[in-house]
Protein backbone atom coordinates (compact mmCIF):
# COMPACT_ATOMS: atom_id res chain seq x y z
CA UNK A 1 24.98 62.23 64.07
CA UNK A 2 25.20 60.95 60.35
CA UNK A 3 23.76 62.00 57.24
CA UNK A 4 19.95 61.19 57.60
CA UNK A 5 19.72 62.35 61.25
CA UNK A 6 17.10 65.45 61.77
CA UNK A 7 18.38 68.61 64.30
CA UNK A 8 15.11 70.40 65.66
CA UNK A 9 15.33 74.53 66.73
CA UNK A 10 12.85 75.82 68.70
CA UNK A 11 12.54 79.59 69.41
CA UNK A 12 12.00 80.96 72.51
CA UNK A 13 10.24 83.95 73.75
CA UNK A 14 6.63 83.10 72.13
CA UNK A 15 7.05 79.67 71.22
CA UNK A 16 7.86 78.33 74.95
CA UNK A 17 7.91 81.49 76.59
CA UNK A 18 5.56 83.76 76.82
CA UNK A 19 8.00 86.78 77.63
CA UNK A 20 5.82 89.94 76.71
CA UNK A 21 4.73 91.10 80.53
CA UNK A 22 8.77 90.89 81.47
CA UNK A 23 9.31 93.13 78.10
CA UNK A 24 7.15 95.40 78.45
CA UNK A 25 8.28 95.80 82.17
CA UNK A 26 12.10 96.00 81.28
CA UNK A 27 11.86 97.78 78.05
CA UNK A 28 9.45 100.93 80.14
CA UNK A 29 12.41 100.97 82.72
CA UNK A 30 15.26 101.38 80.54
CA UNK A 31 13.72 103.54 77.73
CA UNK A 32 12.75 106.34 80.89
CA UNK A 33 15.80 105.78 82.30
CA UNK A 34 17.55 106.50 79.34
CA UNK A 35 15.40 109.33 78.01
CA UNK A 36 14.73 111.08 81.96
CA UNK A 37 17.41 109.50 84.08
CA UNK A 38 14.77 108.20 86.22
CA UNK A 39 13.00 105.00 86.48
CA UNK A 40 8.98 104.59 86.07
CA UNK A 41 7.35 104.89 89.42
CA UNK A 42 5.01 102.05 88.01
CA UNK A 43 4.06 100.76 84.99
CA UNK A 44 0.98 101.64 82.62
CA UNK A 45 -1.98 99.69 82.38
CA UNK A 46 -2.52 101.66 78.97
CA UNK A 47 0.93 101.77 77.88
CA UNK A 48 0.93 97.76 78.93
CA UNK A 49 -2.21 96.78 76.13
CA UNK A 50 -0.63 99.13 73.48
CA UNK A 51 2.92 97.25 73.84
CA UNK A 52 0.92 94.02 73.67
CA UNK A 53 -0.87 94.89 70.71
CA UNK A 54 3.00 95.81 68.86
CA UNK A 55 4.70 93.09 70.26
CA UNK A 56 4.39 90.31 67.49
CA UNK A 57 6.50 93.00 64.96
CA UNK A 58 9.53 92.86 67.21
CA UNK A 59 12.92 90.54 66.28
CA UNK A 60 15.38 91.65 69.13
CA UNK A 61 15.43 92.99 72.06
CA UNK A 62 16.84 96.80 71.56
CA UNK A 63 13.19 96.88 68.97
CA UNK A 64 11.04 97.00 72.34
CA UNK A 65 12.15 100.31 73.06
CA UNK A 66 10.92 101.26 69.87
CA UNK A 67 7.81 100.47 71.14
CA UNK A 68 7.94 102.40 74.08
CA UNK A 69 9.16 104.90 72.07
CA UNK A 70 5.57 105.06 70.33
CA UNK A 71 3.95 104.40 73.24
CA UNK A 72 5.24 107.69 74.89
CA UNK A 73 4.39 109.49 71.82
CA UNK A 74 0.77 107.86 72.01
CA UNK A 75 1.04 106.25 68.61
CA UNK A 76 0.29 102.48 67.50
CA UNK A 77 2.52 100.74 64.89
CA UNK A 78 0.15 99.03 63.32
CA UNK A 79 1.98 96.55 60.48
CA UNK A 80 5.31 95.12 59.71
CA UNK A 81 6.35 97.48 57.24
CA UNK A 82 5.82 100.28 59.06
CA UNK A 83 7.32 98.67 62.25
CA UNK A 84 10.73 98.11 60.08
CA UNK A 85 10.56 101.56 58.04
CA UNK A 86 10.70 102.74 61.78
CA UNK A 87 13.56 100.99 62.56
CA UNK A 88 15.23 101.93 59.74
CA UNK A 89 15.24 105.73 59.97
CA UNK A 90 16.37 104.93 63.87
CA UNK A 91 19.81 103.32 62.95
CA UNK A 92 22.60 101.27 63.91
CA UNK A 93 23.92 103.52 66.51
CA UNK A 94 20.11 104.19 68.53
CA UNK A 95 19.95 100.66 68.48
CA UNK A 96 22.46 99.35 70.04
CA UNK A 97 22.08 102.07 72.43
CA UNK A 98 18.82 100.70 73.09
CA UNK A 99 19.98 97.07 73.50
CA UNK A 100 22.51 98.08 75.88
CA UNK A 101 20.36 99.75 77.94
CA UNK A 102 17.35 97.21 78.17
CA UNK A 103 19.78 94.47 78.69
CA UNK A 104 20.98 96.29 81.92
CA UNK A 105 18.16 96.48 83.07
CA UNK A 106 17.43 92.63 82.85
CA UNK A 107 21.05 91.43 84.27
CA UNK A 108 19.87 94.53 87.22
CA UNK A 109 15.94 92.88 87.78
CA UNK A 110 18.05 89.03 87.47
CA UNK A 111 20.96 90.00 89.90
CA UNK A 112 18.70 92.13 92.67
CA UNK A 113 15.08 90.49 91.90
CA UNK A 114 15.41 87.73 90.36
CA UNK A 115 12.33 86.22 91.72
CA UNK A 116 10.19 88.89 90.40
CA UNK A 117 11.92 88.68 87.14
CA UNK A 118 11.26 85.24 86.67
CA UNK A 119 7.87 85.85 87.62
CA UNK A 120 7.14 88.02 84.32
CA UNK A 121 8.48 85.02 82.54
CA UNK A 122 5.60 82.33 81.32
CA UNK A 123 6.15 78.71 80.13
CA UNK A 124 3.54 77.63 78.23
CA UNK A 125 1.50 75.90 80.13
CA UNK A 126 1.05 73.15 76.66
CA UNK A 127 4.46 73.54 75.97
CA UNK A 128 5.90 72.65 78.58
CA UNK A 129 5.75 68.89 79.15
CA UNK A 130 7.17 68.70 76.05
CA UNK A 131 9.88 70.95 76.70
CA UNK A 132 10.45 68.72 79.45
CA UNK A 133 10.86 65.43 77.30
CA UNK A 134 12.99 67.21 74.85
CA UNK A 135 15.88 68.54 76.86
CA UNK A 136 16.76 65.35 76.85
CA UNK A 137 17.58 64.73 73.20
CA UNK A 138 20.71 66.16 72.33
CA UNK A 139 19.39 66.78 68.83
CA UNK A 140 17.03 69.63 70.28
CA UNK A 141 18.30 73.35 70.79
CA UNK A 142 17.11 76.38 71.35
CA UNK A 143 17.48 79.57 68.92
CA UNK A 144 16.42 82.88 69.60
CA UNK A 145 17.91 86.46 69.27
CA UNK A 146 18.00 86.34 73.05
CA UNK A 147 20.55 86.72 75.44
CA UNK A 148 21.57 82.43 76.46
CA UNK A 149 22.08 83.64 79.93
CA UNK A 150 18.69 84.79 80.41
CA UNK A 151 16.76 82.20 78.93
CA UNK A 152 18.75 79.56 80.92
CA UNK A 153 17.67 81.53 84.10
CA UNK A 154 14.05 81.00 83.39
CA UNK A 155 13.76 77.36 82.39
CA UNK A 156 15.86 77.12 85.78
CA UNK A 157 13.01 79.27 87.42
CA UNK A 158 10.58 76.42 86.09
CA UNK A 159 13.35 73.87 86.98
CA UNK A 160 13.99 72.85 83.10
CA UNK A 161 17.41 71.90 83.54
CA UNK A 162 18.16 72.34 79.78
CA UNK A 163 22.07 71.81 78.86
CA UNK A 164 23.73 75.69 78.15
CA UNK A 165 25.09 74.39 74.90
CA UNK A 166 22.06 73.63 73.44
CA UNK A 167 20.73 77.06 74.19
CA UNK A 168 21.87 79.61 70.85
CA UNK A 169 22.01 83.24 70.56
CA UNK A 170 21.79 83.84 66.60
CA UNK A 171 23.15 87.79 67.91
CA UNK A 172 25.49 88.35 63.84
CA UNK A 173 23.52 85.96 62.39
CA UNK A 174 20.54 84.76 60.69
CA UNK A 175 18.99 81.84 62.15
CA UNK A 176 19.04 79.91 59.06
CA UNK A 177 22.81 80.59 59.14
CA UNK A 178 22.94 79.51 62.79
CA UNK A 179 20.74 76.44 61.70
CA UNK A 180 22.95 75.64 58.64
CA UNK A 181 26.25 75.76 60.51
CA UNK A 182 24.91 73.29 62.94
CA UNK A 183 23.85 71.19 60.46
CA UNK A 184 27.02 70.97 58.57
CA UNK A 185 28.24 71.11 62.44
CA UNK A 186 26.37 67.21 62.69
CA UNK A 187 26.85 65.71 59.06
CA UNK A 188 23.09 66.07 59.26
CA UNK A 189 20.91 66.10 56.42
CA UNK A 190 17.61 68.03 58.09
CA UNK A 191 16.69 70.10 60.14
CA UNK A 192 13.08 71.46 61.76
CA UNK A 193 12.68 74.93 63.00
CA UNK A 194 9.77 76.65 64.58
CA UNK A 195 9.24 80.50 65.01
CA UNK A 196 6.58 82.48 65.72
CA UNK A 197 7.94 85.21 63.38
CA UNK A 198 7.40 85.06 59.27
CA UNK A 199 10.72 86.75 58.98
CA UNK A 200 13.09 84.63 60.71
CA UNK A 201 11.47 81.35 58.74
CA UNK A 202 12.55 80.33 55.16
CA UNK A 203 10.79 80.15 51.98
CA UNK A 204 9.69 77.19 50.76
CA UNK A 205 11.98 76.94 47.44
CA UNK A 206 14.33 77.59 50.34
CA UNK A 207 13.61 75.16 53.22
CA UNK A 208 13.57 72.55 49.88
CA UNK A 209 17.05 73.53 48.97
CA UNK A 210 18.57 73.96 52.51
CA UNK A 211 16.87 70.69 54.11
CA UNK A 212 15.33 72.60 56.63
CA UNK A 213 11.74 72.07 57.28
CA UNK A 214 9.97 75.55 59.11
CA UNK A 215 6.90 75.71 60.71
CA UNK A 216 4.90 78.95 61.88
CA UNK A 217 3.75 78.33 65.56
CA UNK A 218 0.03 79.61 66.60
CA UNK A 219 0.31 79.94 69.87
CA UNK A 220 2.86 83.02 70.07
CA UNK A 221 2.46 87.01 69.22
CA UNK A 222 1.63 85.66 65.91
CA UNK A 223 -0.97 88.02 64.14
CA UNK A 224 -3.79 86.55 62.60
CA UNK A 225 -2.96 87.76 59.58
CA UNK A 226 0.38 86.14 59.44
CA UNK A 227 -1.38 82.37 59.79
CA UNK A 228 -3.76 82.98 57.08
CA UNK A 229 -1.56 84.15 54.54
CA UNK A 230 1.90 81.72 55.78
CA UNK A 231 4.06 80.17 53.40
CA UNK A 232 5.37 77.89 56.08
CA UNK A 233 2.88 74.93 57.69
CA UNK A 234 0.87 76.49 60.29
CA UNK A 235 2.13 74.62 64.07
CA UNK A 236 -0.60 74.32 66.75
CA UNK A 237 0.91 73.62 70.51
CA UNK A 238 -1.35 70.08 70.31
CA UNK A 239 1.04 68.96 67.22
CA UNK A 240 4.47 69.76 68.82
CA UNK A 241 5.26 66.77 70.52
CA UNK A 242 4.70 64.83 67.30
CA UNK A 243 6.42 67.06 64.83
CA UNK A 244 9.74 66.80 67.17
CA UNK A 245 9.15 62.62 66.79
């Protein structure tokens, strides 16, 4: 790729895939097992509704268990600031324990109940045709906090053979750092990034300086007030194909 080339980075959960139900099921199993030593008999509809309301605030898989903490206590997080304060109060050790717990459950479900687990993850119908076309383009990457092997499993379940070297997990790095590294490696002057969590997007000043154009996806877990206050352009699903060029 040359200096005039552009790389494209698309978030997975909430942009390509509606995985909220999987997040709820896996985290409820993981949290119940971690706190009681047993698996839940069934998933609670009331708990699921509360989980869905709080889902926009999370950034990583381990955050789901923090939501389960609140659901178990009969409480609910109502803002990003409240979520971030709760996350900070738990500390790195507790959150690492949560991460190990949820990924252990996910691997078990993939290994033992693969079809059921894939069924919990729904590719957005309006996005699926765009992704099927993007699979052919080496300059388009999936960039997520989710483990790349799980993303590959979900896409494979929908018969989308996305190359594994173009699925990037940002664990240990910010998404900005990953994008910048890939731009430098490809000698690309520009990048485009779509995410539904505003905290992953760059400020307009940083976007201009780094050559990374950010879009806030309007169809995922984004909250209405985030769309109203976004400093990045808001992107609707019908516009994704045109933005990818």
